[in-house]
């Protein structure tokens, strides 16, 4: 069913989108499990989410895996940086004891570091899914966008950091909500983040080179296969 038919049947469209998000959530979660594929998995989810928000999507599974395998090696530097920083930031919270002013200050700095980590890497993986750039260029642009669009940055922090906040407030509540988040929360935060990112990226489109679209490459290959021999 195409997008025009969806608009004529809103209930069917809503249920179909819900199913798409569930599938995308499962794909992203499973592909993140090897750890070294986290960057490729999140970026692939973002790639499909941006298409969904723009209503230019044509399927979920095939576009996800095309982008995933095409950018797996390219995403490794982002993954390694993210994993190392995440381990350092979270380990600081776990090893801190109770007690004095220094501990409270250090705890506050750690929370601030985690918040900045979530904001910057939310932009990084969205940029990686949309624009072709160097690792350094992507991080520089992520910082610039985080500063230039504070409202979107705050919402990224809310969408992608809510489970960490719940854990810090109440580990018991976190344990109840964790399975719901695994089942649907990844895609929900990805979809909401993509809705914030699309207007920003539409403004950046003339300035930055878009990432090669594996779906378009695939279509070009199919057209070439249909050409008669010379």
Protein backbone atom coordinates (compact mmCIF):
# COMPACT_ATOMS: atom_id res chain seq x y z
CA UNK A 1 0.00 0.00 0.00
CA UNK A 2 1.46 3.38 -1.00
CA UNK A 3 1.44 6.62 0.98
CA UNK A 4 -1.63 8.00 -0.85
CA UNK A 5 -3.63 4.94 0.15
CA UNK A 6 -2.38 5.34 3.74
CA UNK A 7 -3.72 8.88 3.88
CA UNK A 8 -7.13 7.64 2.80
CA UNK A 9 -7.15 5.01 5.57
CA UNK A 10 -5.64 6.63 8.70
CA UNK A 11 -6.33 3.71 11.05
CA UNK A 12 -4.59 1.28 8.72
CA UNK A 13 -1.75 3.77 8.34
CA UNK A 14 -1.33 4.11 12.10
CA UNK A 15 -1.30 0.34 12.65
CA UNK A 16 1.11 -0.14 9.77
CA UNK A 17 3.48 2.50 11.14
CA UNK A 18 3.29 0.94 14.58
CA UNK A 19 4.26 -2.41 13.11
CA UNK A 20 7.10 -0.76 11.16
CA UNK A 21 8.44 0.76 14.38
CA UNK A 22 8.25 -2.57 16.20
CA UNK A 23 10.19 -4.28 13.41
CA UNK A 24 12.75 -1.49 13.28
CA UNK A 25 13.12 -1.59 17.07
CA UNK A 26 13.84 -5.32 16.94
CA UNK A 27 16.34 -4.94 14.10
CA UNK A 28 18.21 -2.15 15.88
CA UNK A 29 18.32 -3.97 19.22
CA UNK A 30 19.51 -7.27 17.75
CA UNK A 31 22.14 -5.63 15.55
CA UNK A 32 23.48 -3.67 18.55
CA UNK A 33 24.22 -6.86 20.52
CA UNK A 34 27.70 -7.48 19.02
CA UNK A 35 28.69 -4.07 20.52
CA UNK A 36 31.01 -3.16 17.62
CA UNK A 37 27.95 -2.82 15.39
CA UNK A 38 26.17 -0.30 17.63
CA UNK A 39 27.04 2.68 15.43
CA UNK A 40 25.99 0.94 12.23
CA UNK A 41 22.76 -0.30 13.82
CA UNK A 42 21.66 3.05 15.28
CA UNK A 43 22.62 4.89 12.09
CA UNK A 44 20.68 2.40 9.97
CA UNK A 45 17.65 2.90 12.18
CA UNK A 46 18.04 6.67 11.83
CA UNK A 47 18.38 6.32 8.06
CA UNK A 48 15.05 4.49 7.84
CA UNK A 49 13.41 6.79 10.42
CA UNK A 50 14.33 9.88 8.44
CA UNK A 51 12.71 8.31 5.39
CA UNK A 52 9.61 7.46 7.42
CA UNK A 53 9.27 11.02 8.71
CA UNK A 54 9.68 12.36 5.16
CA UNK A 55 7.21 9.75 3.90
CA UNK A 56 9.71 8.56 1.29
CA UNK A 57 10.18 5.10 2.79
CA UNK A 58 9.67 1.93 0.83
CA UNK A 59 10.01 -0.94 3.25
CA UNK A 60 11.91 -1.40 6.50
CA UNK A 61 14.06 -4.51 6.53
CA UNK A 62 15.83 -4.20 3.18
CA UNK A 63 16.74 -0.49 3.52
CA UNK A 64 17.95 -1.10 7.07
CA UNK A 65 20.33 -3.90 6.09
CA UNK A 66 21.50 -2.19 2.90
CA UNK A 67 22.61 0.83 4.89
CA UNK A 68 23.93 -1.35 7.72
CA UNK A 69 26.30 -3.42 5.57
CA UNK A 70 27.28 -0.52 3.32
CA UNK A 71 28.40 1.58 6.31
CA UNK A 72 29.50 -1.08 8.80
CA UNK A 73 33.24 -0.40 8.55
CA UNK A 74 32.78 3.33 8.20
CA UNK A 75 30.78 3.43 11.43
CA UNK A 76 33.43 1.65 13.55
CA UNK A 77 35.29 4.83 14.67
CA UNK A 78 32.02 6.32 15.93
CA UNK A 79 31.16 3.08 17.71
CA UNK A 80 34.54 2.80 19.43
CA UNK A 81 34.47 6.42 20.59
CA UNK A 82 30.91 6.05 21.87
CA UNK A 83 31.57 2.77 23.71
CA UNK A 84 34.76 4.00 25.40
CA UNK A 85 33.17 7.26 26.53
CA UNK A 86 30.01 5.51 27.73
CA UNK A 87 32.02 3.02 29.81
CA UNK A 88 34.09 5.80 31.37
CA UNK A 89 31.08 7.99 32.18
CA UNK A 90 28.91 5.21 33.58
CA UNK A 91 31.74 3.62 35.56
CA UNK A 92 32.30 6.95 37.32
CA UNK A 93 28.75 6.82 38.66
CA UNK A 94 29.05 3.21 39.76
CA UNK A 95 32.31 3.55 41.73
CA UNK A 96 31.41 6.72 43.60
CA UNK A 97 30.58 6.27 47.27
CA UNK A 98 28.68 8.49 49.62
CA UNK A 99 29.60 11.31 51.56
CA UNK A 100 31.42 14.56 50.98
CA UNK A 101 31.25 17.70 48.91
CA UNK A 102 33.87 16.44 46.47
CA UNK A 103 31.78 13.35 45.75
CA UNK A 104 28.68 15.47 45.12
CA UNK A 105 30.55 17.77 42.73
CA UNK A 106 32.09 14.83 40.88
CA UNK A 107 28.66 13.18 40.66
CA UNK A 108 27.22 16.35 39.16
CA UNK A 109 30.03 16.56 36.62
CA UNK A 110 29.45 12.93 35.66
CA UNK A 111 25.73 13.55 35.10
CA UNK A 112 26.58 16.60 33.00
CA UNK A 113 29.04 14.52 30.97
CA UNK A 114 26.40 11.86 30.34
CA UNK A 115 23.89 14.50 29.23
CA UNK A 116 26.39 16.01 26.79
CA UNK A 117 27.28 12.53 25.55
CA UNK A 118 23.63 11.77 24.76
CA UNK A 119 23.08 15.09 22.99
CA UNK A 120 26.25 14.98 20.88
CA UNK A 121 25.95 11.36 19.84
CA UNK A 122 22.26 11.79 19.02
CA UNK A 123 23.33 14.42 16.49
CA UNK A 124 26.35 12.36 15.38
CA UNK A 125 24.40 9.23 14.44
CA UNK A 126 21.67 11.26 12.76
CA UNK A 127 24.27 13.17 10.74
CA UNK A 128 26.04 9.93 9.83
CA UNK A 129 22.75 8.56 8.53
CA UNK A 130 22.11 11.63 6.38
CA UNK A 131 25.38 13.25 5.28
CA UNK A 132 28.71 11.99 3.97
CA UNK A 133 31.55 13.48 6.04
CA UNK A 134 34.74 12.67 7.90
CA UNK A 135 34.65 11.54 11.52
CA UNK A 136 36.03 14.86 12.69
CA UNK A 137 33.68 16.82 10.46
CA UNK A 138 30.69 14.90 11.75
CA UNK A 139 31.59 15.62 15.38
CA UNK A 140 32.25 19.29 14.66
CA UNK A 141 28.88 19.62 12.92
CA UNK A 142 27.19 17.74 15.79
CA UNK A 143 28.55 20.21 18.33
CA UNK A 144 27.53 23.17 16.15
CA UNK A 145 24.01 21.83 15.74
CA UNK A 146 23.71 21.06 19.44
CA UNK A 147 24.51 24.70 20.23
CA UNK A 148 22.50 26.20 17.36
CA UNK A 149 19.37 24.13 18.09
CA UNK A 150 19.04 23.91 21.88
CA UNK A 151 15.38 22.93 21.77
CA UNK A 152 16.08 19.91 19.57
CA UNK A 153 19.12 19.04 21.68
CA UNK A 154 17.05 19.10 24.87
CA UNK A 155 14.44 16.83 23.28
CA UNK A 156 17.17 14.43 22.14
CA UNK A 157 18.35 14.32 25.76
CA UNK A 158 14.82 13.62 26.91
CA UNK A 159 14.04 10.98 24.28
CA UNK A 160 17.34 9.11 24.50
CA UNK A 161 18.22 9.66 28.14
CA UNK A 162 14.90 9.05 29.87
CA UNK A 163 15.81 5.48 30.87
CA UNK A 164 19.07 6.60 32.45
CA UNK A 165 17.20 9.27 34.40
CA UNK A 166 14.64 6.71 35.59
CA UNK A 167 17.46 4.39 36.67
CA UNK A 168 19.13 7.14 38.69
CA UNK A 169 15.82 8.04 40.35
CA UNK A 170 14.50 4.53 40.96
CA UNK A 171 16.25 1.32 39.84
CA UNK A 172 13.10 -0.59 40.76
CA UNK A 173 10.92 1.37 38.33
CA UNK A 174 13.69 1.03 35.73
CA UNK A 175 13.56 -2.77 36.06
CA UNK A 176 9.81 -2.72 35.29
CA UNK A 177 10.13 -0.40 32.30
CA UNK A 178 13.30 -1.92 30.82
CA UNK A 179 11.53 -4.67 28.87
CA UNK A 180 9.00 -2.20 27.47
CA UNK A 181 11.90 -0.01 26.33
CA UNK A 182 13.66 -2.97 24.69
CA UNK A 183 10.42 -3.90 22.93
CA UNK A 184 9.49 -0.45 21.63
CA UNK A 185 11.46 2.37 23.27
CA UNK A 186 14.45 2.41 20.91
CA UNK A 187 12.32 2.99 17.83
CA UNK A 188 10.04 5.44 19.64
CA UNK A 189 12.97 7.65 20.64
CA UNK A 190 14.44 7.26 17.16
CA UNK A 191 11.21 8.34 15.50
CA UNK A 192 10.78 11.36 17.77
CA UNK A 193 14.40 12.35 17.22
CA UNK A 194 14.02 12.05 13.45
CA UNK A 195 11.02 14.39 13.55
CA UNK A 196 13.20 16.99 15.23
CA UNK A 197 16.13 16.43 12.88
CA UNK A 198 14.34 16.58 9.52
CA UNK A 199 13.64 20.36 9.51
CA UNK A 200 17.26 21.02 10.55
CA UNK A 201 18.67 18.70 7.90
CA UNK A 202 16.46 20.23 5.22
CA UNK A 203 18.21 23.54 5.92
CA UNK A 204 21.65 21.89 5.80
CA UNK A 205 21.03 19.96 2.59
CA UNK A 206 22.55 22.58 0.24
CA UNK A 207 25.69 22.86 2.41
CA UNK A 208 26.55 19.22 3.12
CA UNK A 209 26.92 16.25 0.81
CA UNK A 210 24.18 13.66 1.38
CA UNK A 211 25.19 10.13 2.27
CA UNK A 212 25.03 7.74 -0.71
CA UNK A 213 21.56 6.24 -0.72
CA UNK A 214 21.80 2.43 -0.98
CA UNK A 215 18.16 2.25 -2.07
CA UNK A 216 18.82 4.56 -5.01
CA UNK A 217 22.00 2.66 -5.86
CA UNK A 218 19.98 -0.52 -5.88
CA UNK A 219 17.38 0.99 -8.20
CA UNK A 220 20.11 2.20 -10.56
CA UNK A 221 21.61 -1.29 -10.65
CA UNK A 222 18.23 -2.82 -11.45
CA UNK A 223 17.70 -0.30 -14.28
CA UNK A 224 21.16 -1.08 -15.67
CA UNK A 225 20.39 -4.80 -15.58
CA UNK A 226 17.32 -4.15 -17.71
CA UNK A 227 19.23 -2.28 -20.42
CA UNK A 228 19.77 -4.26 -23.61
CA UNK A 229 23.32 -5.22 -24.50
CA UNK A 230 25.24 -3.18 -27.01
